[in-house]
Protein backbone atom coordinates (compact mmCIF):
# COMPACT_ATOMS: atom_id res chain seq x y z
CA MET A 1 -26.40 -78.48 116.88
CA THR A 2 -24.61 -81.12 114.87
CA GLY A 3 -23.86 -84.69 115.84
CA CYS A 4 -21.15 -85.52 118.34
CA HIS A 5 -19.70 -88.16 116.02
CA GLU A 6 -18.55 -85.57 113.52
CA SER A 7 -14.96 -84.40 113.86
CA THR A 8 -14.14 -80.77 114.43
CA ARG A 9 -12.28 -78.94 111.71
CA VAL A 10 -9.63 -76.74 113.31
CA VAL A 11 -8.83 -73.72 111.17
CA VAL A 12 -5.65 -71.84 112.00
CA VAL A 13 -6.30 -68.17 111.35
CA ASP A 14 -3.15 -66.25 110.50
CA ASN A 15 -2.44 -62.73 109.29
CA CYS A 16 -3.20 -63.77 105.69
CA ASN A 17 -6.53 -65.61 105.88
CA VAL A 18 -7.84 -63.40 108.72
CA ARG A 19 -8.40 -60.68 106.13
CA GLU A 20 -10.75 -62.85 104.04
CA PRO A 21 -13.36 -64.22 106.44
CA GLY A 22 -16.01 -64.56 103.75
CA LYS A 23 -13.74 -66.60 101.53
CA VAL A 24 -12.61 -68.77 104.45
CA TYR A 25 -16.15 -69.44 105.65
CA GLN A 26 -17.61 -70.11 102.21
CA SER A 27 -14.78 -72.55 101.47
CA LEU A 28 -15.48 -74.43 104.71
CA ARG A 29 -19.22 -74.50 103.96
CA GLN A 30 -18.60 -75.82 100.45
CA SER A 31 -16.30 -78.53 101.79
CA GLY A 32 -19.15 -79.80 103.98
CA SER A 33 -17.49 -78.96 107.29
CA LYS A 34 -20.10 -78.99 110.06
CA ASN A 35 -18.00 -78.45 113.21
CA LEU A 36 -15.54 -75.57 113.17
CA HIS A 37 -13.00 -74.23 115.60
CA PHE A 38 -11.12 -71.09 114.58
CA LEU A 39 -7.72 -70.99 116.24
CA PRO A 40 -5.88 -67.65 116.01
CA GLN A 41 -2.17 -67.74 115.34
CA THR A 42 -0.54 -65.66 118.03
CA LEU A 43 3.10 -66.64 117.58
CA GLY A 44 5.56 -66.72 114.71
CA GLU A 45 5.71 -64.65 111.55
CA LYS A 46 1.99 -64.25 110.84
CA PRO A 47 0.19 -63.56 114.14
CA VAL A 48 -3.22 -61.93 114.05
CA THR A 49 -3.87 -58.64 115.77
CA PRO A 50 -6.80 -58.05 118.13
CA GLU A 51 -8.50 -55.66 115.69
CA VAL A 52 -8.47 -57.99 112.69
CA TRP A 53 -9.32 -60.99 114.88
CA GLY A 54 -12.45 -59.20 116.08
CA GLN A 55 -13.37 -58.27 112.49
CA PHE A 56 -12.84 -61.86 111.35
CA LEU A 57 -15.07 -63.26 114.09
CA THR A 58 -17.86 -60.73 113.58
CA GLN A 59 -17.90 -61.23 109.82
CA ILE A 60 -18.00 -65.02 110.13
CA PHE A 61 -20.75 -64.68 112.76
CA ALA A 62 -22.75 -62.32 110.51
CA MET A 63 -22.83 -65.01 107.80
CA TRP A 64 -23.44 -67.91 110.19
CA VAL A 65 -26.30 -66.25 112.10
CA ARG A 66 -28.22 -65.62 108.88
CA GLU A 67 -27.63 -68.95 107.15
CA ASP A 68 -26.22 -71.72 109.30
CA ILE A 69 -27.63 -71.81 112.84
CA GLY A 70 -28.22 -75.48 113.58
CA GLN A 71 -26.39 -76.53 110.42
CA ILE A 72 -22.80 -75.62 111.27
CA SER A 73 -21.40 -75.59 114.76
CA VAL A 74 -18.73 -72.97 115.46
CA ARG A 75 -17.09 -73.63 118.81
CA LEU A 76 -16.76 -69.98 119.86
CA PHE A 77 -20.37 -69.23 118.94
CA ASP A 78 -21.60 -72.25 120.89
CA GLU A 79 -19.49 -71.30 123.90
CA THR A 80 -20.71 -67.70 123.75
CA LEU A 81 -24.35 -68.80 123.63
CA ASN A 82 -23.66 -71.08 126.60
CA GLY A 83 -22.36 -68.00 128.43
CA TRP A 84 -25.57 -66.14 127.66
CA CYS A 85 -27.56 -69.13 128.89
CA GLY A 86 -25.51 -69.35 132.09
CA THR A 87 -23.87 -72.66 131.24
CA ALA A 88 -20.38 -71.54 130.18
CA LEU A 89 -17.26 -73.13 131.58
CA CYS A 90 -15.04 -70.19 132.44
CA ASP A 91 -11.50 -71.31 133.04
CA LYS A 92 -9.45 -68.13 133.27
CA LYS A 93 -11.45 -65.91 135.53
CA ASP A 94 -8.80 -65.97 138.22
CA LEU A 95 -6.56 -63.70 136.14
CA MET A 96 -6.57 -60.24 137.69
CA LYS A 97 -7.40 -58.35 134.50
CA CYS A 98 -10.32 -60.71 133.82
CA GLN A 99 -12.02 -59.78 137.09
CA THR A 100 -13.27 -56.44 135.74
CA CYS A 101 -13.58 -57.35 132.06
CA PRO A 102 -17.03 -56.73 130.50
CA GLY A 103 -16.72 -60.02 128.59
CA ARG A 104 -15.92 -62.06 131.69
CA ARG A 105 -19.09 -64.17 131.78
CA LEU A 106 -18.77 -65.08 128.11
CA CYS A 107 -15.06 -65.55 127.66
CA THR A 108 -13.58 -69.01 127.44
CA ALA A 109 -10.56 -67.88 125.45
CA ALA A 110 -7.89 -69.21 127.77
CA ASN A 111 -4.36 -68.36 126.66
CA ASP A 112 -5.54 -65.75 124.14
CA ASP A 113 -5.06 -62.76 126.42
CA GLU A 114 -3.32 -60.74 123.71
CA LEU A 115 -6.52 -60.94 121.63
CA CYS A 116 -8.93 -59.75 124.33
CA GLN A 117 -10.01 -56.65 122.42
CA GLY A 118 -10.89 -58.78 119.40
CA TYR A 119 -13.01 -61.11 121.50
CA LEU A 120 -14.71 -58.14 123.16
CA ALA A 121 -15.58 -56.72 119.72
CA PHE A 122 -17.14 -60.07 118.81
CA TYR A 123 -19.09 -60.29 122.09
CA ASP A 124 -20.40 -56.76 121.56
CA TYR A 125 -21.46 -57.42 117.96
CA SER A 126 -23.07 -60.79 118.67
CA ALA A 127 -24.89 -59.72 121.87
CA PRO A 128 -28.28 -58.81 120.30
CA PHE A 129 -28.36 -62.09 118.37
CA MET A 130 -27.22 -64.13 121.35
CA LYS A 131 -29.95 -62.60 123.52
CA VAL A 132 -32.60 -63.67 121.02
CA MET A 133 -31.17 -67.21 120.79
CA ARG A 134 -30.99 -67.41 124.59
CA ASP A 135 -34.62 -66.37 124.87
CA LEU A 136 -35.68 -68.86 122.19
CA LYS A 137 -33.94 -71.64 124.12
CA LYS A 138 -35.59 -70.53 127.39
CA HIS A 139 -38.96 -71.03 125.73
CA ASN A 140 -37.95 -74.44 124.34
CA ARG A 141 -37.85 -73.09 120.81
CA SER A 142 -35.20 -73.63 118.16
CA THR A 143 -32.41 -71.09 117.84
CA GLN A 144 -32.85 -71.54 114.07
CA GLU A 145 -35.93 -69.35 114.33
CA LEU A 146 -33.57 -66.37 114.50
CA MET A 147 -32.67 -66.88 110.83
CA ALA A 148 -36.31 -66.48 109.81
CA LEU A 149 -36.62 -63.35 111.95
CA LEU A 150 -33.57 -61.85 110.26
CA ARG A 151 -34.95 -62.62 106.78
CA GLN A 152 -38.07 -60.58 107.62
CA LYS A 153 -36.01 -57.41 108.07
C-alpha cells in the first residue's frame, strides 16, 4: 500500500476518542498520516469495551474502504486482508478459546482477548469488502478498484 520508509502512527484508542471514530480518522487524514495502527487501551481508567471497539473499527473501515484503499495503510485492515488471502501470521491460535472462534483465521490480535467480540464485529462487517479485495488481488488487479465499485451503488 504505502512505502515501507514511512513511519507508522500509533493511535491509542481510549474510552473518550473511541466514541468519535469519524473525528479521529479525519484528523489523521488531514495530518497526512499514511500508516496507522489503532491500539486499544485495555488497562487503566479509560479502557475501551468490546462493543465500542467493534463500532470504532467498523466505522473507521467504512470510511477507509470508500476513500483510502491504497492511500492509507491501517495495520488491522492489512492484516485482515492477509488473512482472507491466506497469508496471515496467526500467533495466538494455541489458546483454547481461539480453537473454535469464527474469527480464528483472521485474528492477529494477540493479547487483546478481552476485546474479542469487538474484533469479531469488525471481521463480520468487513467480510464482504475483504472478499472483493481478495478476489481482485487473485486476478492481479488493484484493491483500489473496490472504491470505484462502491461509488457506483
